[in-house]
PDB file of N, CA and C in Angstrom:
ATOM      1  N   MET A   1       2.568 -43.769   2.780  1.00  0.00           N
ATOM      2  CA  MET A   1       1.968 -42.731   3.573  1.00  0.00           C
ATOM      3  C   MET A   1       3.054 -41.752   4.014  1.00  0.00           C
ATOM      4  N   THR A   2       2.776 -40.475   3.820  1.00  0.00           N
ATOM      5  CA  THR A   2       3.771 -39.482   4.207  1.00  0.00           C
ATOM      6  C   THR A   2       3.556 -39.064   5.655  1.00  0.00           C
ATOM      7  N   LYS A   3       4.640 -38.769   6.283  1.00  0.00           N
ATOM      8  CA  LYS A   3       4.585 -38.391   7.682  1.00  0.00           C
ATOM      9  C   LYS A   3       4.463 -36.869   7.779  1.00  0.00           C
ATOM     10  N   PHE A   4       3.527 -36.393   8.557  1.00  0.00           N
ATOM     11  CA  PHE A   4       3.331 -34.956   8.760  1.00  0.00           C
ATOM     12  C   PHE A   4       4.299 -34.477   9.834  1.00  0.00           C
ATOM     13  N   VAL A   5       5.097 -33.492   9.482  1.00  0.00           N
ATOM     14  CA  VAL A   5       6.016 -32.891  10.437  1.00  0.00           C
ATOM     15  C   VAL A   5       5.611 -31.427  10.589  1.00  0.00           C
ATOM     16  N   PRO A   6       5.074 -31.061  11.723  1.00  0.00           N
ATOM     17  CA  PRO A   6       4.632 -29.675  11.891  1.00  0.00           C
ATOM     18  C   PRO A   6       5.813 -28.706  11.904  1.00  0.00           C
ATOM     19  N   THR A   7       5.612 -27.562  11.313  1.00  0.00           N
ATOM     20  CA  THR A   7       6.640 -26.524  11.345  1.00  0.00           C
ATOM     21  C   THR A   7       6.535 -25.775  12.661  1.00  0.00           C
ATOM     22  N   PRO A   8       7.655 -25.444  13.233  1.00  0.00           N
ATOM     23  CA  PRO A   8       7.591 -24.696  14.490  1.00  0.00           C
ATOM     24  C   PRO A   8       6.991 -23.316  14.239  1.00  0.00           C
ATOM     25  N   PRO A   9       6.312 -22.758  15.221  1.00  0.00           N
ATOM     26  CA  PRO A   9       5.730 -21.435  15.030  1.00  0.00           C
ATOM     27  C   PRO A   9       6.819 -20.377  14.851  1.00  0.00           C
ATOM     28  N   ALA A  10       6.483 -19.350  14.096  1.00  0.00           N
ATOM     29  CA  ALA A  10       7.437 -18.260  13.869  1.00  0.00           C
ATOM     30  C   ALA A  10       7.671 -17.504  15.176  1.00  0.00           C
ATOM     31  N   THR A  11       8.904 -17.095  15.377  1.00  0.00           N
ATOM     32  CA  THR A  11       9.242 -16.311  16.564  1.00  0.00           C
ATOM     33  C   THR A  11       9.924 -15.020  16.132  1.00  0.00           C
ATOM     34  N   PRO A  12       9.856 -13.977  16.950  1.00  0.00           N
ATOM     35  CA  PRO A  12      10.505 -12.725  16.593  1.00  0.00           C
ATOM     36  C   PRO A  12      12.007 -12.858  16.350  1.00  0.00           C
ATOM     37  N   ARG A  13      12.651 -13.828  17.009  1.00  0.00           N
ATOM     38  CA  ARG A  13      14.106 -14.000  16.854  1.00  0.00           C
ATOM     39  C   ARG A  13      14.497 -14.343  15.421  1.00  0.00           C
ATOM     40  N   GLN A  14      13.563 -14.931  14.657  1.00  0.00           N
ATOM     41  CA  GLN A  14      13.863 -15.283  13.269  1.00  0.00           C
ATOM     42  C   GLN A  14      14.064 -14.044  12.405  1.00  0.00           C
ATOM     43  N   PHE A  15      13.569 -12.916  12.857  1.00  0.00           N
ATOM     44  CA  PHE A  15      13.564 -11.713  12.034  1.00  0.00           C
ATOM     45  C   PHE A  15      14.474 -10.622  12.597  1.00  0.00           C
ATOM     46  N   ARG A  16      15.550 -11.022  13.243  1.00  0.00           N
ATOM     47  CA  ARG A  16      16.468 -10.065  13.866  1.00  0.00           C
ATOM     48  C   ARG A  16      16.988  -9.014  12.889  1.00  0.00           C
ATOM     49  N   LYS A  17      17.173  -9.389  11.626  1.00  0.00           N
ATOM     50  CA  LYS A  17      17.698  -8.433  10.648  1.00  0.00           C
ATOM     51  C   LYS A  17      16.719  -7.283  10.388  1.00  0.00           C
ATOM     52  N   PHE A  18      15.473  -7.438  10.790  1.00  0.00           N
ATOM     53  CA  PHE A  18      14.491  -6.369  10.655  1.00  0.00           C
ATOM     54  C   PHE A  18      14.381  -5.541  11.942  1.00  0.00           C
ATOM     55  N   GLN A  19      15.066  -5.975  12.998  1.00  0.00           N
ATOM     56  CA  GLN A  19      14.887  -5.376  14.318  1.00  0.00           C
ATOM     57  C   GLN A  19      16.146  -4.767  14.912  1.00  0.00           C
ATOM     58  N   ASP A  20      17.219  -4.689  14.150  1.00  0.00           N
ATOM     59  CA  ASP A  20      18.507  -4.304  14.715  1.00  0.00           C
ATOM     60  C   ASP A  20      18.840  -2.819  14.571  1.00  0.00           C
ATOM     61  N   VAL A  21      17.852  -1.967  14.720  1.00  0.00           N
ATOM     62  CA  VAL A  21      18.103  -0.533  14.599  1.00  0.00           C
ATOM     63  C   VAL A  21      17.528   0.193  15.817  1.00  0.00           C
ATOM     64  N   ALA A  22      18.258   1.192  16.276  1.00  0.00           N
ATOM     65  CA  ALA A  22      17.797   1.984  17.415  1.00  0.00           C
ATOM     66  C   ALA A  22      16.822   3.054  16.917  1.00  0.00           C
ATOM     67  N   THR A  23      15.773   3.267  17.683  1.00  0.00           N
ATOM     68  CA  THR A  23      14.788   4.291  17.338  1.00  0.00           C
ATOM     69  C   THR A  23      14.542   5.176  18.553  1.00  0.00           C
ATOM     70  N   PRO A  24      13.980   6.364  18.353  1.00  0.00           N
ATOM     71  CA  PRO A  24      13.659   7.222  19.503  1.00  0.00           C
ATOM     72  C   PRO A  24      12.647   6.538  20.422  1.00  0.00           C
ATOM     73  N   PRO A  25      12.568   6.965  21.681  1.00  0.00           N
ATOM     74  CA  PRO A  25      11.599   6.372  22.618  1.00  0.00           C
ATOM     75  C   PRO A  25      10.175   6.454  22.074  1.00  0.00           C
ATOM     76  N   PHE A  26       9.433   5.390  22.243  1.00  0.00           N
ATOM     77  CA  PHE A  26       8.035   5.260  21.823  1.00  0.00           C
ATOM     78  C   PHE A  26       7.855   5.250  20.303  1.00  0.00           C
ATOM     79  N   TYR A  27       8.932   5.075  19.566  1.00  0.00           N
ATOM     80  CA  TYR A  27       8.898   4.963  18.112  1.00  0.00           C
ATOM     81  C   TYR A  27       9.495   3.629  17.713  1.00  0.00           C
ATOM     82  N   ASP A  28       9.135   3.158  16.544  1.00  0.00           N
ATOM     83  CA  ASP A  28       9.719   1.946  15.990  1.00  0.00           C
ATOM     84  C   ASP A  28       9.531   1.975  14.482  1.00  0.00           C
ATOM     85  N   THR A  29      10.312   1.167  13.778  1.00  0.00           N
ATOM     86  CA  THR A  29      10.084   1.045  12.340  1.00  0.00           C
ATOM     87  C   THR A  29       8.938   0.061  12.129  1.00  0.00           C
ATOM     88  N   ALA A  30       8.263   0.185  11.019  1.00  0.00           N
ATOM     89  CA  ALA A  30       7.168  -0.748  10.718  1.00  0.00           C
ATOM     90  C   ALA A  30       7.703  -2.171  10.607  1.00  0.00           C
ATOM     91  N   PHE A  31       8.905  -2.324  10.075  1.00  0.00           N
ATOM     92  CA  PHE A  31       9.510  -3.644   9.903  1.00  0.00           C
ATOM     93  C   PHE A  31       9.748  -4.303  11.258  1.00  0.00           C
ATOM     94  N   SER A  32      10.332  -3.563  12.167  1.00  0.00           N
ATOM     95  CA  SER A  32      10.627  -4.101  13.488  1.00  0.00           C
ATOM     96  C   SER A  32       9.345  -4.368  14.269  1.00  0.00           C
ATOM     97  N   TYR A  33       8.440  -3.412  14.269  1.00  0.00           N
ATOM     98  CA  TYR A  33       7.201  -3.562  15.029  1.00  0.00           C
ATOM     99  C   TYR A  33       6.406  -4.782  14.561  1.00  0.00           C
ATOM    100  N   PHE A  34       6.191  -4.875  13.261  1.00  0.00           N
ATOM    101  CA  PHE A  34       5.387  -5.968  12.694  1.00  0.00           C
ATOM    102  C   PHE A  34       6.042  -7.325  12.969  1.00  0.00           C
ATOM    103  N   SER A  35       7.358  -7.421  12.751  1.00  0.00           N
ATOM    104  CA  SER A  35       8.032  -8.714  12.928  1.00  0.00           C
ATOM    105  C   SER A  35       8.123  -9.131  14.396  1.00  0.00           C
ATOM    106  N   ARG A  36       8.129  -8.174  15.321  1.00  0.00           N
ATOM    107  CA  ARG A  36       8.171  -8.515  16.754  1.00  0.00           C
ATOM    108  C   ARG A  36       6.790  -8.853  17.305  1.00  0.00           C
ATOM    109  N   ARG A  37       5.807  -8.057  16.935  1.00  0.00           N
ATOM    110  CA  ARG A  37       4.477  -8.210  17.528  1.00  0.00           C
ATOM    111  C   ARG A  37       3.628  -9.285  16.863  1.00  0.00           C
ATOM    112  N   LEU A  38       3.828  -9.476  15.560  1.00  0.00           N
ATOM    113  CA  LEU A  38       3.026 -10.447  14.813  1.00  0.00           C
ATOM    114  C   LEU A  38       3.930 -11.347  13.969  1.00  0.00           C
ATOM    115  N   PRO A  39       4.844 -12.085  14.606  1.00  0.00           N
ATOM    116  CA  PRO A  39       5.795 -12.877  13.823  1.00  0.00           C
ATOM    117  C   PRO A  39       5.133 -13.927  12.943  1.00  0.00           C
ATOM    118  N   PHE A  40       4.011 -14.486  13.394  1.00  0.00           N
ATOM    119  CA  PHE A  40       3.328 -15.499  12.585  1.00  0.00           C
ATOM    120  C   PHE A  40       2.810 -14.883  11.291  1.00  0.00           C
ATOM    121  N   ALA A  41       2.286 -13.674  11.344  1.00  0.00           N
ATOM    122  CA  ALA A  41       1.793 -12.998  10.129  1.00  0.00           C
ATOM    123  C   ALA A  41       2.966 -12.532   9.269  1.00  0.00           C
ATOM    124  N   PHE A  42       4.007 -12.029   9.910  1.00  0.00           N
ATOM    125  CA  PHE A  42       5.189 -11.562   9.181  1.00  0.00           C
ATOM    126  C   PHE A  42       5.818 -12.711   8.399  1.00  0.00           C
ATOM    127  N   SER A  43       5.796 -13.904   8.977  1.00  0.00           N
ATOM    128  CA  SER A  43       6.406 -15.067   8.315  1.00  0.00           C
ATOM    129  C   SER A  43       5.641 -15.488   7.066  1.00  0.00           C
ATOM    130  N   LEU A  44       4.392 -15.058   6.935  1.00  0.00           N
ATOM    131  CA  LEU A  44       3.585 -15.418   5.768  1.00  0.00           C
ATOM    132  C   LEU A  44       3.815 -14.492   4.570  1.00  0.00           C
ATOM    133  N   LEU A  45       4.484 -13.373   4.786  1.00  0.00           N
ATOM    134  CA  LEU A  45       4.728 -12.431   3.698  1.00  0.00           C
ATOM    135  C   LEU A  45       5.741 -13.001   2.719  1.00  0.00           C
ATOM    136  N   GLU A  46       5.418 -12.939   1.432  1.00  0.00           N
ATOM    137  CA  GLU A  46       6.349 -13.439   0.413  1.00  0.00           C
ATOM    138  C   GLU A  46       7.577 -12.553   0.312  1.00  0.00           C
ATOM    139  N   ASP A  47       7.377 -11.245   0.357  1.00  0.00           N
ATOM    140  CA  ASP A  47       8.471 -10.279   0.270  1.00  0.00           C
ATOM    141  C   ASP A  47       8.258  -9.237   1.365  1.00  0.00           C
ATOM    142  N   PRO A  48       8.742  -9.505   2.574  1.00  0.00           N
ATOM    143  CA  PRO A  48       8.464  -8.611   3.700  1.00  0.00           C
ATOM    144  C   PRO A  48       8.874  -7.164   3.466  1.00  0.00           C
ATOM    145  N   VAL A  49       9.998  -6.945   2.795  1.00  0.00           N
ATOM    146  CA  VAL A  49      10.451  -5.569   2.583  1.00  0.00           C
ATOM    147  C   VAL A  49       9.439  -4.785   1.747  1.00  0.00           C
ATOM    148  N   ASN A  50       9.055  -5.313   0.608  1.00  0.00           N
ATOM    149  CA  ASN A  50       8.092  -4.608  -0.246  1.00  0.00           C
ATOM    150  C   ASN A  50       6.706  -4.580   0.369  1.00  0.00           C
ATOM    151  N   ASP A  51       6.302  -5.653   1.012  1.00  0.00           N
ATOM    152  CA  ASP A  51       4.961  -5.709   1.597  1.00  0.00           C
ATOM    153  C   ASP A  51       4.802  -4.694   2.726  1.00  0.00           C
ATOM    154  N   VAL A  52       5.797  -4.581   3.580  1.00  0.00           N
ATOM    155  CA  VAL A  52       5.710  -3.618   4.683  1.00  0.00           C
ATOM    156  C   VAL A  52       5.916  -2.199   4.166  1.00  0.00           C
ATOM    157  N   GLU A  53       6.778  -2.017   3.178  1.00  0.00           N
ATOM    158  CA  GLU A  53       6.953  -0.680   2.598  1.00  0.00           C
ATOM    159  C   GLU A  53       5.640  -0.151   2.030  1.00  0.00           C
ATOM    160  N   ALA A  54       4.783  -1.030   1.563  1.00  0.00           N
ATOM    161  CA  ALA A  54       3.485  -0.608   1.037  1.00  0.00           C
ATOM    162  C   ALA A  54       2.613   0.015   2.134  1.00  0.00           C
ATOM    163  N   ASP A  55       2.889  -0.298   3.387  1.00  0.00           N
ATOM    164  CA  ASP A  55       2.132   0.256   4.517  1.00  0.00           C
ATOM    165  C   ASP A  55       2.628   1.633   4.957  1.00  0.00           C
ATOM    166  N   LEU A  56       3.819   2.037   4.534  1.00  0.00           N
ATOM    167  CA  LEU A  56       4.428   3.256   5.053  1.00  0.00           C
ATOM    168  C   LEU A  56       3.598   4.507   4.765  1.00  0.00           C
ATOM    169  N   GLY A  57       2.989   4.589   3.589  1.00  0.00           N
ATOM    170  CA  GLY A  57       2.169   5.752   3.253  1.00  0.00           C
ATOM    171  C   GLY A  57       0.980   5.892   4.181  1.00  0.00           C
ATOM    172  N   THR A  58       0.280   4.794   4.426  1.00  0.00           N
ATOM    173  CA  THR A  58      -0.873   4.815   5.329  1.00  0.00           C
ATOM    174  C   THR A  58      -0.440   5.151   6.748  1.00  0.00           C
ATOM    175  N   LEU A  59       0.669   4.564   7.184  1.00  0.00           N
ATOM    176  CA  LEU A  59       1.170   4.863   8.528  1.00  0.00           C
ATOM    177  C   LEU A  59       1.548   6.337   8.651  1.00  0.00           C
ATOM    178  N   ALA A  60       2.138   6.899   7.596  1.00  0.00           N
ATOM    179  CA  ALA A  60       2.511   8.314   7.609  1.00  0.00           C
ATOM    180  C   ALA A  60       1.269   9.199   7.718  1.00  0.00           C
ATOM    181  N   LEU A  61       0.253   8.902   6.941  1.00  0.00           N
ATOM    182  CA  LEU A  61      -0.983   9.691   7.001  1.00  0.00           C
ATOM    183  C   LEU A  61      -1.638   9.606   8.375  1.00  0.00           C
ATOM    184  N   ARG A  62      -1.665   8.418   8.941  1.00  0.00           N
ATOM    185  CA  ARG A  62      -2.274   8.254  10.274  1.00  0.00           C
ATOM    186  C   ARG A  62      -1.463   8.973  11.350  1.00  0.00           C
ATOM    187  N   THR A  63      -0.152   8.946  11.205  1.00  0.00           N
ATOM    188  CA  THR A  63       0.708   9.635  12.173  1.00  0.00           C
ATOM    189  C   THR A  63       0.465  11.139  12.119  1.00  0.00           C
ATOM    190  N   LEU A  64       0.449  11.689  10.921  1.00  0.00           N
ATOM    191  CA  LEU A  64       0.229  13.129  10.777  1.00  0.00           C
ATOM    192  C   LEU A  64      -1.180  13.529  11.219  1.00  0.00           C
ATOM    193  N   ALA A  65      -2.162  12.661  10.966  1.00  0.00           N
ATOM    194  CA  ALA A  65      -3.530  12.946  11.390  1.00  0.00           C
ATOM    195  C   ALA A  65      -3.637  13.024  12.913  1.00  0.00           C
ATOM    196  N   MET A  66      -2.766  12.316  13.606  1.00  0.00           N
ATOM    197  CA  MET A  66      -2.755  12.351  15.071  1.00  0.00           C
ATOM    198  C   MET A  66      -1.915  13.511  15.600  1.00  0.00           C
ATOM    199  N   GLY A  67      -1.307  14.276  14.693  1.00  0.00           N
ATOM    200  CA  GLY A  67      -0.472  15.401  15.109  1.00  0.00           C
ATOM    201  C   GLY A  67       0.890  14.985  15.624  1.00  0.00           C
ATOM    202  N   LYS A  68       1.340  13.793  15.249  1.00  0.00           N
ATOM    203  CA  LYS A  68       2.635  13.272  15.701  1.00  0.00           C
ATOM    204  C   LYS A  68       3.680  13.440  14.597  1.00  0.00           C
ATOM    205  N   GLU A  69       4.929  13.262  14.956  1.00  0.00           N
ATOM    206  CA  GLU A  69       6.037  13.369  14.009  1.00  0.00           C
ATOM    207  C   GLU A  69       6.422  12.004  13.458  1.00  0.00           C
ATOM    208  N   ILE A  70       6.948  12.018  12.238  1.00  0.00           N
ATOM    209  CA  ILE A  70       7.544  10.833  11.623  1.00  0.00           C
ATOM    210  C   ILE A  70       9.051  11.039  11.697  1.00  0.00           C
ATOM    211  N   LYS A  71       9.770  10.066  12.155  1.00  0.00           N
ATOM    212  CA  LYS A  71      11.224  10.169  12.291  1.00  0.00           C
ATOM    213  C   LYS A  71      11.909   9.394  11.169  1.00  0.00           C
ATOM    214  N   ILE A  72      13.037   9.908  10.717  1.00  0.00           N
ATOM    215  CA  ILE A  72      13.872   9.192   9.746  1.00  0.00           C
ATOM    216  C   ILE A  72      15.010   8.561  10.543  1.00  0.00           C
ATOM    217  N   VAL A  73      15.171   7.245  10.390  1.00  0.00           N
ATOM    218  CA  VAL A  73      16.185   6.509  11.151  1.00  0.00           C
ATOM    219  C   VAL A  73      17.009   5.635  10.202  1.00  0.00           C
ATOM    220  N   GLU A  74      18.094   5.139  10.735  1.00  0.00           N
ATOM    221  CA  GLU A  74      18.922   4.184   9.990  1.00  0.00           C
ATOM    222  C   GLU A  74      18.101   2.933   9.704  1.00  0.00           C
ATOM    223  N   ALA A  75      18.270   2.386   8.534  1.00  0.00           N
ATOM    224  CA  ALA A  75      17.523   1.184   8.151  1.00  0.00           C
ATOM    225  C   ALA A  75      18.102  -0.052   8.831  1.00  0.00           C
ATOM    226  N   PRO A  76      17.251  -1.029   9.124  1.00  0.00           N
ATOM    227  CA  PRO A  76      17.768  -2.289   9.666  1.00  0.00           C
ATOM    228  C   PRO A  76      18.563  -3.055   8.604  1.00  0.00           C
ATOM    229  N   THR A  77      19.311  -4.029   9.037  1.00  0.00           N
ATOM    230  CA  THR A  77      20.191  -4.801   8.157  1.00  0.00           C
ATOM    231  C   THR A  77      19.460  -5.379   6.952  1.00  0.00           C
ATOM    232  N   ALA A  78      18.250  -5.893   7.141  1.00  0.00           N
ATOM    233  CA  ALA A  78      17.499  -6.497   6.032  1.00  0.00           C
ATOM    234  C   ALA A  78      17.264  -5.492   4.910  1.00  0.00           C
ATOM    235  N   LEU A  79      17.069  -4.233   5.242  1.00  0.00           N
ATOM    236  CA  LEU A  79      16.877  -3.204   4.213  1.00  0.00           C
ATOM    237  C   LEU A  79      18.209  -2.777   3.613  1.00  0.00           C
ATOM    238  N   LYS A  80      19.230  -2.705   4.448  1.00  0.00           N
ATOM    239  CA  LYS A  80      20.562  -2.333   3.950  1.00  0.00           C
ATOM    240  C   LYS A  80      21.045  -3.340   2.913  1.00  0.00           C
ATOM    241  N   GLU A  81      20.699  -4.612   3.097  1.00  0.00           N
ATOM    242  CA  GLU A  81      21.082  -5.637   2.128  1.00  0.00           C
ATOM    243  C   GLU A  81      20.443  -5.379   0.768  1.00  0.00           C
ATOM    244  N   ARG A  82      19.383  -4.601   0.745  1.00  0.00           N
ATOM    245  CA  ARG A  82      18.711  -4.238  -0.510  1.00  0.00           C
ATOM    246  C   ARG A  82      19.069  -2.829  -0.964  1.00  0.00           C
ATOM    247  N   GLY A  83      20.058  -2.224  -0.317  1.00  0.00           N
ATOM    248  CA  GLY A  83      20.527  -0.904  -0.731  1.00  0.00           C
ATOM    249  C   GLY A  83      19.765   0.266  -0.135  1.00  0.00           C
ATOM    250  N   LYS A  84      18.953   0.018   0.867  1.00  0.00           N
ATOM    251  CA  LYS A  84      18.189   1.099   1.511  1.00  0.00           C
ATOM    252  C   LYS A  84      18.850   1.400   2.853  1.00  0.00           C
ATOM    253  N   HIS A  85      19.243   2.649   3.040  1.00  0.00           N
ATOM    254  CA  HIS A  85      20.007   2.991   4.232  1.00  0.00           C
ATOM    255  C   HIS A  85      19.220   3.784   5.262  1.00  0.00           C
ATOM    256  N   ARG A  86      18.055   4.266   4.897  1.00  0.00           N
ATOM    257  CA  ARG A  86      17.191   4.997   5.827  1.00  0.00           C
ATOM    258  C   ARG A  86      15.759   4.494   5.689  1.00  0.00           C
ATOM    259  N   THR A  87      15.018   4.574   6.785  1.00  0.00           N
ATOM    260  CA  THR A  87      13.599   4.241   6.753  1.00  0.00           C
ATOM    261  C   THR A  87      12.875   5.141   7.738  1.00  0.00           C
ATOM    262  N   LEU A  88      11.591   4.999   7.806  1.00  0.00           N
ATOM    263  CA  LEU A  88      10.774   5.833   8.678  1.00  0.00           C
ATOM    264  C   LEU A  88      10.447   5.103   9.973  1.00  0.00           C
ATOM    265  N   ALA A  89      10.375   5.877  11.043  1.00  0.00           N
ATOM    266  CA  ALA A  89       9.934   5.344  12.339  1.00  0.00           C
ATOM    267  C   ALA A  89       8.656   6.087  12.718  1.00  0.00           C
ATOM    268  N   PHE A  90       7.702   5.345  13.223  1.00  0.00           N
ATOM    269  CA  PHE A  90       6.395   5.884  13.569  1.00  0.00           C
ATOM    270  C   PHE A  90       6.130   5.668  15.053  1.00  0.00           C
ATOM    271  N   PRO A  91       5.228   6.471  15.629  1.00  0.00           N
ATOM    272  CA  PRO A  91       4.851   6.216  17.021  1.00  0.00           C
ATOM    273  C   PRO A  91       4.257   4.806  17.142  1.00  0.00           C
ATOM    274  N   MET A  92       4.616   4.119  18.200  1.00  0.00           N
ATOM    275  CA  MET A  92       4.138   2.747  18.377  1.00  0.00           C
ATOM    276  C   MET A  92       2.623   2.694  18.523  1.00  0.00           C
ATOM    277  N   LEU A  93       2.019   3.756  19.031  1.00  0.00           N
ATOM    278  CA  LEU A  93       0.568   3.797  19.150  1.00  0.00           C
ATOM    279  C   LEU A  93      -0.102   3.709  17.775  1.00  0.00           C
ATOM    280  N   VAL A  94       0.459   4.394  16.804  1.00  0.00           N
ATOM    281  CA  VAL A  94      -0.090   4.354  15.442  1.00  0.00           C
ATOM    282  C   VAL A  94      -0.013   2.936  14.887  1.00  0.00           C
ATOM    283  N   MET A  95       1.133   2.300  15.065  1.00  0.00           N
ATOM    284  CA  MET A  95       1.293   0.946  14.537  1.00  0.00           C
ATOM    285  C   MET A  95       0.437  -0.063  15.302  1.00  0.00           C
ATOM    286  N   ALA A  96       0.264   0.154  16.602  1.00  0.00           N
ATOM    287  CA  ALA A  96      -0.586  -0.751  17.383  1.00  0.00           C
ATOM    288  C   ALA A  96      -2.023  -0.712  16.875  1.00  0.00           C
ATOM    289  N   ARG A  97      -2.454   0.438  16.399  1.00  0.00           N
ATOM    290  CA  ARG A  97      -3.814   0.558  15.863  1.00  0.00           C
ATOM    291  C   ARG A  97      -3.915   0.058  14.426  1.00  0.00           C
ATOM    292  N   TYR A  98      -2.789   0.054  13.719  1.00  0.00           N
ATOM    293  CA  TYR A  98      -2.790  -0.381  12.319  1.00  0.00           C
ATOM    294  C   TYR A  98      -2.591  -1.892  12.199  1.00  0.00           C
ATOM    295  N   TYR A  99      -1.602  -2.420  12.910  1.00  0.00           N
ATOM    296  CA  TYR A  99      -1.311  -3.853  12.871  1.00  0.00           C
ATOM    297  C   TYR A  99      -2.061  -4.526  14.025  1.00  0.00           C
ATOM    298  N   VAL A 100      -3.339  -4.774  13.840  1.00  0.00           N
ATOM    299  CA  VAL A 100      -4.200  -5.336  14.874  1.00  0.00           C
ATOM    300  C   VAL A 100      -4.344  -6.841  14.646  1.00  0.00           C
ATOM    301  N   LEU A 101      -4.354  -7.579  15.734  1.00  0.00           N
ATOM    302  CA  LEU A 101      -4.590  -9.014  15.633  1.00  0.00           C
ATOM    303  C   LEU A 101      -5.975  -9.256  15.046  1.00  0.00           C
ATOM    304  N   PRO A 102      -6.118 -10.199  14.132  1.00  0.00           N
ATOM    305  CA  PRO A 102      -7.418 -10.453  13.506  1.00  0.00           C
ATOM    306  C   PRO A 102      -8.536 -10.743  14.503  1.00  0.00           C
ATOM    307  N   SER A 103      -8.283 -11.505  15.536  1.00  0.00           N
ATOM    308  CA  SER A 103      -9.342 -11.838  16.493  1.00  0.00           C
ATOM    309  C   SER A 103      -9.797 -10.602  17.254  1.00  0.00           C
ATOM    310  N   TYR A 104      -8.880  -9.713  17.577  1.00  0.00           N
ATOM    311  CA  TYR A 104      -9.240  -8.485  18.278  1.00  0.00           C
ATOM    312  C   TYR A 104     -10.065  -7.583  17.369  1.00  0.00           C
ATOM    313  N   ALA A 105      -9.675  -7.487  16.109  1.00  0.00           N
ATOM    314  CA  ALA A 105     -10.407  -6.646  15.165  1.00  0.00           C
ATOM    315  C   ALA A 105     -11.832  -7.161  14.987  1.00  0.00           C
ATOM    316  N   ARG A 106     -11.990  -8.470  14.932  1.00  0.00           N
ATOM    317  CA  ARG A 106     -13.326  -9.049  14.787  1.00  0.00           C
ATOM    318  C   ARG A 106     -14.186  -8.717  15.993  1.00  0.00           C
ATOM    319  N   ARG A 107     -13.639  -8.911  17.186  1.00  0.00           N
ATOM    320  CA  ARG A 107     -14.403  -8.635  18.401  1.00  0.00           C
ATOM    321  C   ARG A 107     -14.769  -7.163  18.496  1.00  0.00           C
ATOM    322  N   LYS A 108     -13.875  -6.300  18.103  1.00  0.00           N
ATOM    323  CA  LYS A 108     -14.122  -4.873  18.178  1.00  0.00           C
ATOM    324  C   LYS A 108     -15.255  -4.451  17.250  1.00  0.00           C
ATOM    325  N   ASN A 109     -15.357  -5.096  16.089  1.00  0.00           N
ATOM    326  CA  ASN A 109     -16.367  -4.734  15.107  1.00  0.00           C
ATOM    327  C   ASN A 109     -17.695  -5.441  15.338  1.00  0.00           C
ATOM    328  N   GLU A 110     -17.716  -6.461  16.171  1.00  0.00           N
ATOM    329  CA  GLU A 110     -18.966  -7.169  16.439  1.00  0.00           C
ATOM    330  C   GLU A 110     -19.887  -6.282  17.273  1.00  0.00           C
ATOM    331  N   ARG A 111     -21.126  -6.279  16.931  1.00  0.00           N
ATOM    332  CA  ARG A 111     -22.102  -5.495  17.671  1.00  0.00           C
ATOM    333  C   ARG A 111     -23.148  -6.449  18.254  1.00  0.00           C
ATOM    334  N   PRO A 112     -23.636  -6.168  19.424  1.00  0.00           N
ATOM    335  CA  PRO A 112     -24.668  -7.035  19.987  1.00  0.00           C
ATOM    336  C   PRO A 112     -25.936  -6.973  19.134  1.00  0.00           C
ATOM    337  N   THR A 113     -26.549  -8.090  18.952  1.00  0.00           N
ATOM    338  CA  THR A 113     -27.792  -8.137  18.171  1.00  0.00           C
ATOM    339  C   THR A 113     -28.976  -8.110  19.116  1.00  0.00           C
ATOM    340  N   ASP A 114     -30.126  -7.818  18.582  1.00  0.00           N
ATOM    341  CA  ASP A 114     -31.334  -7.803  19.412  1.00  0.00           C
ATOM    342  C   ASP A 114     -31.595  -9.190  20.001  1.00  0.00           C
ATOM    343  N   ALA A 115     -31.280 -10.222  19.234  1.00  0.00           N
ATOM    344  CA  ALA A 115     -31.519 -11.581  19.703  1.00  0.00           C
ATOM    345  C   ALA A 115     -30.590 -11.928  20.861  1.00  0.00           C
ATOM    346  N   GLY A 116     -29.375 -11.339  20.856  1.00  0.00           N
ATOM    347  CA  GLY A 116     -28.397 -11.674  21.874  1.00  0.00           C
ATOM    348  C   GLY A 116     -28.568 -10.890  23.154  1.00  0.00           C
ATOM    349  N   GLN A 117     -29.440  -9.892  23.167  1.00  0.00           N
ATOM    350  CA  GLN A 117     -29.583  -9.069  24.360  1.00  0.00           C
ATOM    351  C   GLN A 117     -30.643  -9.566  25.302  1.00  0.00           C
TER     352      GLN A 117
END
């Protein structure tokens, strides 16, 4: 019989290499924001750099649609290790609306039914 050893939950400290860059006030990189706010989801990504980079286009469109600016900032260490020296920073409000906790998104989309009223 094999013994089950639970893995400790992911914490933001595990992803420091994605969070070590300074950004303007109220802005953050998608890498830093996602790894700090949703470390459990970030830990499930097979390739965090490519997976989060795939979100940059959508984040850029949403930022511009809100009439906000996109900032170019120094890349965090995890990106520099892959030869990328700059990345984009977005308003945290945009990312808060994009990277939503699954339970919150479900509750937000649920509508009261006639039976429940």
